[in-house]
C-alpha atoms as a PDB file:
ATOM      1  CA  MET A   1      22.293   2.572 -19.117  1.00  0.00           C
ATOM      2  CA  PRO A   2      23.031   0.378 -22.385  1.00  0.00           C
ATOM      3  CA  TRP A   3      26.348   1.013 -21.696  1.00  0.00           C
ATOM      4  CA  LEU A   4      26.059  -1.122 -18.169  1.00  0.00           C
ATOM      5  CA  LEU A   5      24.875  -3.920 -19.704  1.00  0.00           C
ATOM      6  CA  ARG A   6      27.564  -3.988 -22.261  1.00  0.00           C
ATOM      7  CA  LEU A   7      30.175  -4.080 -19.343  1.00  0.00           C
ATOM      8  CA  LEU A   8      28.296  -6.558 -17.417  1.00  0.00           C
ATOM      9  CA  THR A   9      27.845  -9.017 -20.470  1.00  0.00           C
ATOM     10  CA  ILE A  10      31.372  -8.658 -21.377  1.00  0.00           C
ATOM     11  CA  LEU A  11      32.607  -9.396 -17.654  1.00  0.00           C
ATOM     12  CA  LEU A  12      30.443 -12.644 -17.672  1.00  0.00           C
ATOM     13  CA  LEU A  13      31.831 -13.624 -21.017  1.00  0.00           C
ATOM     14  CA  VAL A  14      35.200 -12.947 -20.098  1.00  0.00           C
ATOM     15  CA  MET A  15      34.839 -14.987 -17.015  1.00  0.00           C
ATOM     16  CA  PHE A  16      32.871 -17.860 -18.837  1.00  0.00           C
ATOM     17  CA  PHE A  17      35.979 -18.245 -20.987  1.00  0.00           C
ATOM     18  CA  VAL A  18      38.404 -18.293 -18.604  1.00  0.00           C
ATOM     19  CA  LEU A  19      36.374 -20.622 -16.122  1.00  0.00           C
ATOM     20  CA  GLN A  20      36.216 -23.039 -19.631  1.00  0.00           C
ATOM     21  CA  TYR A  21      40.216 -22.754 -20.107  1.00  0.00           C
ATOM     22  CA  ARG A  22      40.216 -23.654 -16.338  1.00  0.00           C
ATOM     23  CA  GLN A  23      38.023 -26.874 -17.258  1.00  0.00           C
ATOM     24  CA  TRP A  24      39.624 -28.033 -20.218  1.00  0.00           C
ATOM     25  CA  VAL A  25      43.227 -27.133 -20.040  1.00  0.00           C
ATOM     26  CA  GLY A  26      44.693 -25.742 -16.202  1.00  0.00           C
ATOM     27  CA  GLN A  27      45.162 -27.111 -13.778  1.00  0.00           C
ATOM     28  CA  GLY A  28      42.618 -29.880 -12.540  1.00  0.00           C
ATOM     29  CA  SER A  29      41.050 -30.418 -16.318  1.00  0.00           C
ATOM     30  CA  LEU A  30      39.644 -32.784 -17.869  1.00  0.00           C
ATOM     31  CA  ALA A  31      42.548 -33.876 -19.521  1.00  0.00           C
ATOM     32  CA  GLU A  32      44.488 -33.701 -16.497  1.00  0.00           C
ATOM     33  CA  VAL A  33      42.462 -35.970 -14.943  1.00  0.00           C
ATOM     34  CA  ALA A  34      42.453 -38.402 -17.535  1.00  0.00           C
ATOM     35  CA  SER A  35      45.846 -38.789 -17.931  1.00  0.00           C
ATOM     36  CA  LEU A  36      46.319 -39.555 -14.040  1.00  0.00           C
ATOM     37  CA  GLU A  37      43.973 -41.976 -14.386  1.00  0.00           C
ATOM     38  CA  ARG A  38      46.061 -43.840 -17.032  1.00  0.00           C
ATOM     39  CA  ARG A  39      48.864 -43.626 -14.556  1.00  0.00           C
ATOM     40  CA  ILE A  40      47.052 -45.039 -12.135  1.00  0.00           C
ATOM     41  CA  GLN A  41      46.240 -47.734 -13.918  1.00  0.00           C
ATOM     42  CA  ARG A  42      49.709 -48.502 -15.265  1.00  0.00           C
ATOM     43  CA  GLN A  43      50.848 -48.537 -11.754  1.00  0.00           C
ATOM     44  CA  GLN A  44      48.220 -50.979 -10.637  1.00  0.00           C
ATOM     45  CA  ALA A  45      49.114 -53.255 -13.791  1.00  0.00           C
ATOM     46  CA  ARG A  46      52.516 -53.449 -12.219  1.00  0.00           C
ATOM     47  CA  ILE A  47      51.752 -53.616  -8.502  1.00  0.00           C
ATOM     48  CA  ALA A  48      50.084 -56.404  -9.962  1.00  0.00           C
ATOM     49  CA  GLU A  49      53.125 -57.831 -11.753  1.00  0.00           C
ATOM     50  CA  MET A  50      55.218 -57.114  -8.708  1.00  0.00           C
ATOM     51  CA  GLU A  51      52.972 -59.351  -6.115  1.00  0.00           C
ATOM     52  CA  GLU A  52      52.774 -61.930  -8.654  1.00  0.00           C
ATOM     53  CA  ARG A  53      56.999 -62.003  -8.452  1.00  0.00           C
ATOM     54  CA  ASN A  54      57.024 -61.473  -4.928  1.00  0.00           C
ATOM     55  CA  ALA A  55      54.311 -64.820  -4.323  1.00  0.00           C
ATOM     56  CA  MET A  56      56.454 -66.526  -6.354  1.00  0.00           C
ATOM     57  CA  LEU A  57      59.692 -65.404  -4.212  1.00  0.00           C
ATOM     58  CA  ARG A  58      57.619 -66.306  -1.076  1.00  0.00           C
ATOM     59  CA  ALA A  59      57.181 -69.829  -2.528  1.00  0.00           C
ATOM     60  CA  GLU A  60      60.853 -70.352  -3.405  1.00  0.00           C
ATOM     61  CA  VAL A  61      61.965 -69.497  -0.359  1.00  0.00           C
ATOM     62  CA  GLU A  62      59.546 -71.810   1.466  1.00  0.00           C
ATOM     63  CA  SER A  63      60.582 -74.389  -0.515  1.00  0.00           C
ATOM     64  CA  LEU A  64      64.156 -73.698   0.601  1.00  0.00           C
ATOM     65  CA  LYS A  65      63.417 -73.488   4.191  1.00  0.00           C
ATOM     66  CA  LYS A  66      61.488 -77.074   4.238  1.00  0.00           C
ATOM     67  CA  GLY A  67      63.258 -79.271   1.947  1.00  0.00           C
ATOM     68  CA  LEU A  68      66.687 -80.123   1.183  1.00  0.00           C
ATOM     69  CA  ASP A  69      65.425 -81.585  -2.307  1.00  0.00           C
ATOM     70  CA  VAL A  70      64.975 -78.342  -3.885  1.00  0.00           C
ATOM     71  CA  VAL A  71      68.708 -76.789  -2.272  1.00  0.00           C
ATOM     72  CA  GLU A  72      70.049 -80.241  -4.005  1.00  0.00           C
ATOM     73  CA  ALA A  73      68.269 -79.309  -7.401  1.00  0.00           C
ATOM     74  CA  ARG A  74      69.414 -75.358  -6.916  1.00  0.00           C
ATOM     75  CA  ALA A  75      73.191 -76.667  -6.377  1.00  0.00           C
ATOM     76  CA  ARG A  76      73.029 -79.032  -9.124  1.00  0.00           C
ATOM     77  CA  GLU A  77      71.589 -76.428 -11.497  1.00  0.00           C
ATOM     78  CA  ASP A  78      73.343 -73.268 -10.574  1.00  0.00           C
ATOM     79  CA  LEU A  79      76.585 -74.286  -9.065  1.00  0.00           C
ATOM     80  CA  GLY A  80      77.121 -77.770 -11.627  1.00  0.00           C
ATOM     81  CA  MET A  81      77.793 -79.518  -8.033  1.00  0.00           C
ATOM     82  CA  ILE A  82      77.479 -83.796  -7.669  1.00  0.00           C
ATOM     83  CA  ARG A  83      76.917 -86.320  -5.281  1.00  0.00           C
ATOM     84  CA  GLU A  84      79.399 -88.076  -3.172  1.00  0.00           C
ATOM     85  CA  GLY A  85      80.060 -91.223  -5.446  1.00  0.00           C
ATOM     86  CA  GLU A  86      78.883 -89.876  -8.873  1.00  0.00           C
ATOM     87  CA  THR A  87      80.666 -89.156 -11.854  1.00  0.00           C
ATOM     88  CA  PHE A  88      80.526 -85.877 -13.729  1.00  0.00           C
ATOM     89  CA  TYR A  89      80.501 -86.330 -17.505  1.00  0.00           C
ATOM     90  CA  GLN A  90      80.228 -83.368 -20.208  1.00  0.00           C
ATOM     91  CA  VAL A  91      79.394 -84.074 -23.643  1.00  0.00           C
ATOM     92  CA  ILE A  92      80.816 -81.707 -26.079  1.00  0.00           C
ATOM     93  CA  PRO A  93      78.470 -81.323 -29.860  1.00  0.00           C
ATOM     94  CA  LYS A  94      81.088 -81.279 -32.413  1.00  0.00           C
ATOM     95  CA  ASP A  95      79.667 -78.388 -33.656  1.00  0.00           C
ATOM     96  CA  ALA A  96      81.004 -76.516 -30.665  1.00  0.00           C
ATOM     97  CA  SER A  97      84.289 -77.006 -31.233  1.00  0.00           C
ATOM     98  CA  LYS A  98      84.595 -74.441 -34.607  1.00  0.00           C
END
């Protein structure tokens, strides 16, 4: 009978260590859960940044749809356009010629 008790004890110890291994290192382990939580936080931060950017773009599109002043400002800044009757002057600093 003592050999049966030893065998049962060894079997229980092996099962205990296998379960501990799975909990700490295997699939679904605590380390993996912590890693996934960090990835979720990074993704949520990225989503928040993108939502903010989308809101800014949405506001810009709305302002472009509603007013010609914004369109004119964009044309002046981005394309260098001027109104009819205006005179364009380009000032070049002396340092820029070197």
